[in-house]
């Protein structure tokens, strides 16, 4: 979307920063508790929740590969 002047009406990079921020905030309570899966789960849930509010056409590719079985 663009304004009448042709400028983008939003900053996608900042919206994605908010996605990352939400994941970090959700995982923070789990730091030092020895429950990596709970931290991963909280971060992924928050990330999915916030990214679902970002209007965009595209494919999001995420993952940790074979390192572990993240949610």
PDB file of N, CA and C in Angstrom:
ATOM      1  N   UNK A   1       0.855  -1.168   0.000  1.00  0.00           N
ATOM      2  CA  UNK A   1       0.000   0.000   0.000  1.00  0.00           C
ATOM      3  C   UNK A   1       0.905   1.237   0.000  1.00  0.00           C
ATOM      4  N   UNK A   2       0.390   2.282  -0.632  1.00  0.00           N
ATOM      5  CA  UNK A   2       1.156   3.518  -0.719  1.00  0.00           C
ATOM      6  C   UNK A   2       0.254   4.701  -0.422  1.00  0.00           C
ATOM      7  N   UNK A   3       0.877   5.784   0.004  1.00  0.00           N
ATOM      8  CA  UNK A   3       0.134   7.015   0.228  1.00  0.00           C
ATOM      9  C   UNK A   3      -0.150   7.665  -1.114  1.00  0.00           C
ATOM     10  N   UNK A   4      -0.888   8.757  -1.102  1.00  0.00           N
ATOM     11  CA  UNK A   4      -1.173   9.467  -2.353  1.00  0.00           C
ATOM     12  C   UNK A   4       0.105   9.977  -3.001  1.00  0.00           C
ATOM     13  N   UNK A   5       1.124  10.255  -2.209  1.00  0.00           N
ATOM     14  CA  UNK A   5       2.398  10.733  -2.743  1.00  0.00           C
ATOM     15  C   UNK A   5       3.258   9.590  -3.280  1.00  0.00           C
ATOM     16  N   UNK A   6       2.776   8.354  -3.166  1.00  0.00           N
ATOM     17  CA  UNK A   6       3.529   7.222  -3.686  1.00  0.00           C
ATOM     18  C   UNK A   6       4.486   6.600  -2.690  1.00  0.00           C
ATOM     19  N   UNK A   7       4.523   7.105  -1.466  1.00  0.00           N
ATOM     20  CA  UNK A   7       5.404   6.564  -0.437  1.00  0.00           C
ATOM     21  C   UNK A   7       4.741   5.360   0.235  1.00  0.00           C
ATOM     22  N   UNK A   8       5.535   4.403   0.682  1.00  0.00           N
ATOM     23  CA  UNK A   8       4.942   3.287   1.429  1.00  0.00           C
ATOM     24  C   UNK A   8       4.224   3.819   2.669  1.00  0.00           C
ATOM     25  N   UNK A   9       3.064   3.242   2.989  1.00  0.00           N
ATOM     26  CA  UNK A   9       2.302   3.730   4.132  1.00  0.00           C
ATOM     27  C   UNK A   9       2.685   3.035   5.439  1.00  0.00           C
ATOM     28  N   UNK A  10       3.712   2.216   5.386  1.00  0.00           N
ATOM     29  CA  UNK A  10       4.169   1.523   6.586  1.00  0.00           C
ATOM     30  C   UNK A  10       5.617   1.107   6.409  1.00  0.00           C
ATOM     31  N   UNK A  11       6.195   0.608   7.476  1.00  0.00           N
ATOM     32  CA  UNK A  11       7.573   0.146   7.436  1.00  0.00           C
ATOM     33  C   UNK A  11       7.573  -1.338   7.795  1.00  0.00           C
ATOM     34  N   UNK A  12       7.679  -2.190   6.793  1.00  0.00           N
ATOM     35  CA  UNK A  12       7.638  -3.632   7.010  1.00  0.00           C
ATOM     36  C   UNK A  12       8.743  -4.080   7.959  1.00  0.00           C
ATOM     37  N   UNK A  13       9.916  -3.478   7.843  1.00  0.00           N
ATOM     38  CA  UNK A  13      11.026  -3.864   8.714  1.00  0.00           C
ATOM     39  C   UNK A  13      10.667  -3.662  10.181  1.00  0.00           C
ATOM     40  N   UNK A  14      10.021  -2.547  10.508  1.00  0.00           N
ATOM     41  CA  UNK A  14       9.633  -2.304  11.899  1.00  0.00           C
ATOM     42  C   UNK A  14       8.554  -3.276  12.350  1.00  0.00           C
ATOM     43  N   UNK A  15       7.663  -3.639  11.461  1.00  0.00           N
ATOM     44  CA  UNK A  15       6.646  -4.622  11.818  1.00  0.00           C
ATOM     45  C   UNK A  15       7.297  -5.969  12.139  1.00  0.00           C
ATOM     46  N   UNK A  16       8.318  -6.338  11.391  1.00  0.00           N
ATOM     47  CA  UNK A  16       9.010  -7.595  11.653  1.00  0.00           C
ATOM     48  C   UNK A  16       9.861  -7.511  12.915  1.00  0.00           C
ATOM     49  N   UNK A  17      10.360  -6.324  13.233  1.00  0.00           N
ATOM     50  CA  UNK A  17      11.056  -6.133  14.513  1.00  0.00           C
ATOM     51  C   UNK A  17      10.087  -6.400  15.660  1.00  0.00           C
ATOM     52  N   UNK A  18       8.855  -5.950  15.523  1.00  0.00           N
ATOM     53  CA  UNK A  18       7.848  -6.190  16.565  1.00  0.00           C
ATOM     54  C   UNK A  18       7.557  -7.680  16.726  1.00  0.00           C
ATOM     55  N   UNK A  19       7.616  -8.422  15.642  1.00  0.00           N
ATOM     56  CA  UNK A  19       7.437  -9.876  15.707  1.00  0.00           C
ATOM     57  C   UNK A  19       8.561 -10.489  16.541  1.00  0.00           C
ATOM     58  N   UNK A  20       9.788 -10.093  16.244  1.00  0.00           N
ATOM     59  CA  UNK A  20      10.946 -10.600  16.978  1.00  0.00           C
ATOM     60  C   UNK A  20      10.878 -10.201  18.444  1.00  0.00           C
ATOM     61  N   UNK A  21      10.488  -8.958  18.694  1.00  0.00           N
ATOM     62  CA  UNK A  21      10.370  -8.460  20.063  1.00  0.00           C
ATOM     63  C   UNK A  21       9.346  -9.279  20.857  1.00  0.00           C
ATOM     64  N   UNK A  22       8.216  -9.573  20.250  1.00  0.00           N
ATOM     65  CA  UNK A  22       7.182 -10.361  20.931  1.00  0.00           C
ATOM     66  C   UNK A  22       7.708 -11.748  21.302  1.00  0.00           C
ATOM     67  N   UNK A  23       8.460 -12.355  20.403  1.00  0.00           N
ATOM     68  CA  UNK A  23       9.030 -13.676  20.678  1.00  0.00           C
ATOM     69  C   UNK A  23      10.015 -13.611  21.840  1.00  0.00           C
ATOM     70  N   UNK A  24      10.854 -12.596  21.853  1.00  0.00           N
ATOM     71  CA  UNK A  24      11.838 -12.452  22.929  1.00  0.00           C
ATOM     72  C   UNK A  24      11.164 -12.211  24.276  1.00  0.00           C
ATOM     73  N   UNK A  25      10.156 -11.367  24.289  1.00  0.00           N
ATOM     74  CA  UNK A  25       9.442 -11.071  25.535  1.00  0.00           C
ATOM     75  C   UNK A  25       8.738 -12.324  26.057  1.00  0.00           C
ATOM     76  N   UNK A  26       8.153 -13.105  25.160  1.00  0.00           N
ATOM     77  CA  UNK A  26       7.452 -14.323  25.574  1.00  0.00           C
ATOM     78  C   UNK A  26       8.413 -15.377  26.118  1.00  0.00           C
ATOM     79  N   UNK A  27       9.617 -15.441  25.575  1.00  0.00           N
ATOM     80  CA  UNK A  27      10.597 -16.434  26.019  1.00  0.00           C
ATOM     81  C   UNK A  27      11.321 -16.009  27.290  1.00  0.00           C
ATOM     82  N   UNK A  28      11.358 -14.727  27.572  1.00  0.00           N
ATOM     83  CA  UNK A  28      12.131 -14.206  28.702  1.00  0.00           C
ATOM     84  C   UNK A  28      11.821 -14.869  30.044  1.00  0.00           C
ATOM     85  N   UNK A  29      10.564 -15.110  30.387  1.00  0.00           N
ATOM     86  CA  UNK A  29      10.297 -15.741  31.691  1.00  0.00           C
ATOM     87  C   UNK A  29      10.888 -17.143  31.837  1.00  0.00           C
ATOM     88  N   UNK A  30      11.242 -17.765  30.731  1.00  0.00           N
ATOM     89  CA  UNK A  30      11.770 -19.126  30.767  1.00  0.00           C
ATOM     90  C   UNK A  30      13.294 -19.170  30.859  1.00  0.00           C
ATOM     91  N   UNK A  31      13.943 -18.022  30.749  1.00  0.00           N
ATOM     92  CA  UNK A  31      15.406 -17.977  30.800  1.00  0.00           C
ATOM     93  C   UNK A  31      15.883 -18.489  32.159  1.00  0.00           C
ATOM     94  N   UNK A  32      16.805 -19.426  32.141  1.00  0.00           N
ATOM     95  CA  UNK A  32      17.388 -19.956  33.367  1.00  0.00           C
ATOM     96  C   UNK A  32      16.565 -21.021  34.060  1.00  0.00           C
ATOM     97  N   UNK A  33      15.462 -21.431  33.490  1.00  0.00           N
ATOM     98  CA  UNK A  33      14.605 -22.431  34.138  1.00  0.00           C
ATOM     99  C   UNK A  33      14.850 -23.849  33.629  1.00  0.00           C
ATOM    100  N   UNK A  34      15.712 -23.975  32.646  1.00  0.00           N
ATOM    101  CA  UNK A  34      16.054 -25.304  32.153  1.00  0.00           C
ATOM    102  C   UNK A  34      14.980 -25.977  31.320  1.00  0.00           C
ATOM    103  N   UNK A  35      14.059 -25.193  30.781  1.00  0.00           N
ATOM    104  CA  UNK A  35      12.990 -25.773  29.966  1.00  0.00           C
ATOM    105  C   UNK A  35      12.998 -25.121  28.590  1.00  0.00           C
ATOM    106  N   UNK A  36      13.950 -25.571  27.763  1.00  0.00           N
ATOM    107  CA  UNK A  36      14.127 -24.984  26.438  1.00  0.00           C
ATOM    108  C   UNK A  36      12.876 -25.129  25.572  1.00  0.00           C
ATOM    109  N   UNK A  37      12.185 -26.258  25.683  1.00  0.00           N
ATOM    110  CA  UNK A  37      10.988 -26.461  24.866  1.00  0.00           C
ATOM    111  C   UNK A  37       9.879 -25.485  25.235  1.00  0.00           C
ATOM    112  N   UNK A  38       9.745 -25.177  26.510  1.00  0.00           N
ATOM    113  CA  UNK A  38       8.732 -24.198  26.925  1.00  0.00           C
ATOM    114  C   UNK A  38       9.093 -22.813  26.403  1.00  0.00           C
ATOM    115  N   UNK A  39      10.380 -22.471  26.466  1.00  0.00           N
ATOM    116  CA  UNK A  39      10.828 -21.172  25.949  1.00  0.00           C
ATOM    117  C   UNK A  39      10.587 -21.088  24.447  1.00  0.00           C
ATOM    118  N   UNK A  40      10.956 -22.147  23.724  1.00  0.00           N
ATOM    119  CA  UNK A  40      10.723 -22.188  22.277  1.00  0.00           C
ATOM    120  C   UNK A  40       9.234 -22.082  21.967  1.00  0.00           C
ATOM    121  N   UNK A  41       8.429 -22.823  22.706  1.00  0.00           N
ATOM    122  CA  UNK A  41       6.987 -22.813  22.472  1.00  0.00           C
ATOM    123  C   UNK A  41       6.378 -21.445  22.689  1.00  0.00           C
ATOM    124  N   UNK A  42       6.788 -20.780  23.770  1.00  0.00           N
ATOM    125  CA  UNK A  42       6.270 -19.441  24.058  1.00  0.00           C
ATOM    126  C   UNK A  42       6.684 -18.460  22.967  1.00  0.00           C
ATOM    127  N   UNK A  43       7.937 -18.549  22.541  1.00  0.00           N
ATOM    128  CA  UNK A  43       8.435 -17.644  21.504  1.00  0.00           C
ATOM    129  C   UNK A  43       7.719 -17.871  20.178  1.00  0.00           C
ATOM    130  N   UNK A  44       7.555 -19.124  19.799  1.00  0.00           N
ATOM    131  CA  UNK A  44       6.898 -19.440  18.527  1.00  0.00           C
ATOM    132  C   UNK A  44       5.438 -19.002  18.546  1.00  0.00           C
ATOM    133  N   UNK A  45       4.749 -19.246  19.652  1.00  0.00           N
ATOM    134  CA  UNK A  45       3.339 -18.839  19.749  1.00  0.00           C
ATOM    135  C   UNK A  45       3.199 -17.330  19.623  1.00  0.00           C
ATOM    136  N   UNK A  46       4.066 -16.588  20.307  1.00  0.00           N
ATOM    137  CA  UNK A  46       4.016 -15.126  20.235  1.00  0.00           C
ATOM    138  C   UNK A  46       4.350 -14.643  18.831  1.00  0.00           C
ATOM    139  N   UNK A  47       5.364 -15.262  18.224  1.00  0.00           N
ATOM    140  CA  UNK A  47       5.762 -14.863  16.879  1.00  0.00           C
ATOM    141  C   UNK A  47       4.631 -15.101  15.880  1.00  0.00           C
ATOM    142  N   UNK A  48       3.997 -16.255  15.970  1.00  0.00           N
ATOM    143  CA  UNK A  48       2.887 -16.553  15.051  1.00  0.00           C
ATOM    144  C   UNK A  48       1.724 -15.588  15.263  1.00  0.00           C
ATOM    145  N   UNK A  49       1.443 -15.276  16.518  1.00  0.00           N
ATOM    146  CA  UNK A  49       0.345 -14.364  16.831  1.00  0.00           C
ATOM    147  C   UNK A  49       0.580 -12.982  16.225  1.00  0.00           C
ATOM    148  N   UNK A  50       1.774 -12.439  16.405  1.00  0.00           N
ATOM    149  CA  UNK A  50       2.056 -11.084  15.923  1.00  0.00           C
ATOM    150  C   UNK A  50       2.232 -11.063  14.409  1.00  0.00           C
ATOM    151  N   UNK A  51       2.894 -12.057  13.848  1.00  0.00           N
ATOM    152  CA  UNK A  51       3.112 -12.032  12.393  1.00  0.00           C
ATOM    153  C   UNK A  51       1.792 -12.189  11.640  1.00  0.00           C
ATOM    154  N   UNK A  52       0.801 -12.787  12.278  1.00  0.00           N
ATOM    155  CA  UNK A  52      -0.498 -12.924  11.612  1.00  0.00           C
ATOM    156  C   UNK A  52      -1.195 -11.580  11.435  1.00  0.00           C
ATOM    157  N   UNK A  53      -0.728 -10.553  12.130  1.00  0.00           N
ATOM    158  CA  UNK A  53      -1.315  -9.216  11.996  1.00  0.00           C
ATOM    159  C   UNK A  53      -0.624  -8.381  10.926  1.00  0.00           C
ATOM    160  N   UNK A  54       0.490  -8.884  10.381  1.00  0.00           N
ATOM    161  CA  UNK A  54       1.251  -8.148   9.369  1.00  0.00           C
ATOM    162  C   UNK A  54       0.658  -8.455   7.993  1.00  0.00           C
ATOM    163  N   UNK A  55       0.160  -7.421   7.329  1.00  0.00           N
ATOM    164  CA  UNK A  55      -0.406  -7.595   5.996  1.00  0.00           C
ATOM    165  C   UNK A  55       0.728  -7.650   4.984  1.00  0.00           C
ATOM    166  N   UNK A  56       0.864  -8.806   4.336  1.00  0.00           N
ATOM    167  CA  UNK A  56       1.917  -8.959   3.333  1.00  0.00           C
ATOM    168  C   UNK A  56       1.595 -10.160   2.470  1.00  0.00           C
ATOM    169  N   UNK A  57       2.163 -10.165   1.295  1.00  0.00           N
ATOM    170  CA  UNK A  57       2.104 -11.322   0.416  1.00  0.00           C
ATOM    171  C   UNK A  57       3.504 -11.890   0.367  1.00  0.00           C
ATOM    172  N   UNK A  58       3.649 -13.115   0.753  1.00  0.00           N
ATOM    173  CA  UNK A  58       4.975 -13.703   0.738  1.00  0.00           C
ATOM    174  C   UNK A  58       4.982 -15.024   1.474  1.00  0.00           C
ATOM    175  N   UNK A  59       6.135 -15.616   1.522  1.00  0.00           N
ATOM    176  CA  UNK A  59       6.323 -16.872   2.224  1.00  0.00           C
ATOM    177  C   UNK A  59       7.348 -16.657   3.318  1.00  0.00           C
ATOM    178  N   UNK A  60       6.981 -17.030   4.516  1.00  0.00           N
ATOM    179  CA  UNK A  60       7.905 -16.935   5.640  1.00  0.00           C
ATOM    180  C   UNK A  60       8.563 -18.295   5.796  1.00  0.00           C
ATOM    181  N   UNK A  61       9.884 -18.323   5.740  1.00  0.00           N
ATOM    182  CA  UNK A  61      10.632 -19.559   5.881  1.00  0.00           C
ATOM    183  C   UNK A  61      11.443 -19.453   7.159  1.00  0.00           C
ATOM    184  N   UNK A  62      11.108 -20.312   8.121  1.00  0.00           N
ATOM    185  CA  UNK A  62      11.823 -20.294   9.394  1.00  0.00           C
ATOM    186  C   UNK A  62      12.190 -21.713   9.773  1.00  0.00           C
ATOM    187  N   UNK A  63      13.063 -21.840  10.711  1.00  0.00           N
ATOM    188  CA  UNK A  63      13.389 -23.159  11.225  1.00  0.00           C
ATOM    189  C   UNK A  63      14.799 -23.206  11.749  1.00  0.00           C
ATOM    190  N   UNK A  64      15.036 -24.203  12.568  1.00  0.00           N
ATOM    191  CA  UNK A  64      16.351 -24.385  13.160  1.00  0.00           C
ATOM    192  C   UNK A  64      17.097 -25.537  12.511  1.00  0.00           C
ATOM    193  N   UNK A  65      16.538 -26.061  11.441  1.00  0.00           N
ATOM    194  CA  UNK A  65      17.191 -27.187  10.795  1.00  0.00           C
ATOM    195  C   UNK A  65      17.121 -28.423  11.674  1.00  0.00           C
ATOM    196  N   UNK A  66      18.175 -29.197  11.697  1.00  0.00           N
ATOM    197  CA  UNK A  66      18.188 -30.442  12.453  1.00  0.00           C
ATOM    198  C   UNK A  66      18.766 -30.270  13.842  1.00  0.00           C
ATOM    199  N   UNK A  67      19.008 -29.048  14.264  1.00  0.00           N
ATOM    200  CA  UNK A  67      19.605 -28.792  15.575  1.00  0.00           C
ATOM    201  C   UNK A  67      18.777 -29.420  16.687  1.00  0.00           C
ATOM    202  N   UNK A  68      17.492 -29.163  16.676  1.00  0.00           N
ATOM    203  CA  UNK A  68      16.591 -29.751  17.658  1.00  0.00           C
ATOM    204  C   UNK A  68      15.184 -29.763  17.093  1.00  0.00           C
ATOM    205  N   UNK A  69      14.258 -30.253  17.866  1.00  0.00           N
ATOM    206  CA  UNK A  69      12.880 -30.333  17.398  1.00  0.00           C
ATOM    207  C   UNK A  69      12.072 -29.186  17.984  1.00  0.00           C
ATOM    208  N   UNK A  70      12.330 -27.982  17.513  1.00  0.00           N
ATOM    209  CA  UNK A  70      11.617 -26.801  17.998  1.00  0.00           C
ATOM    210  C   UNK A  70      10.157 -26.884  17.569  1.00  0.00           C
ATOM    211  N   UNK A  71       9.272 -26.276  18.360  1.00  0.00           N
ATOM    212  CA  UNK A  71       7.843 -26.312  18.004  1.00  0.00           C
ATOM    213  C   UNK A  71       7.537 -25.539  16.735  1.00  0.00           C
TER     214      UNK A  71
END
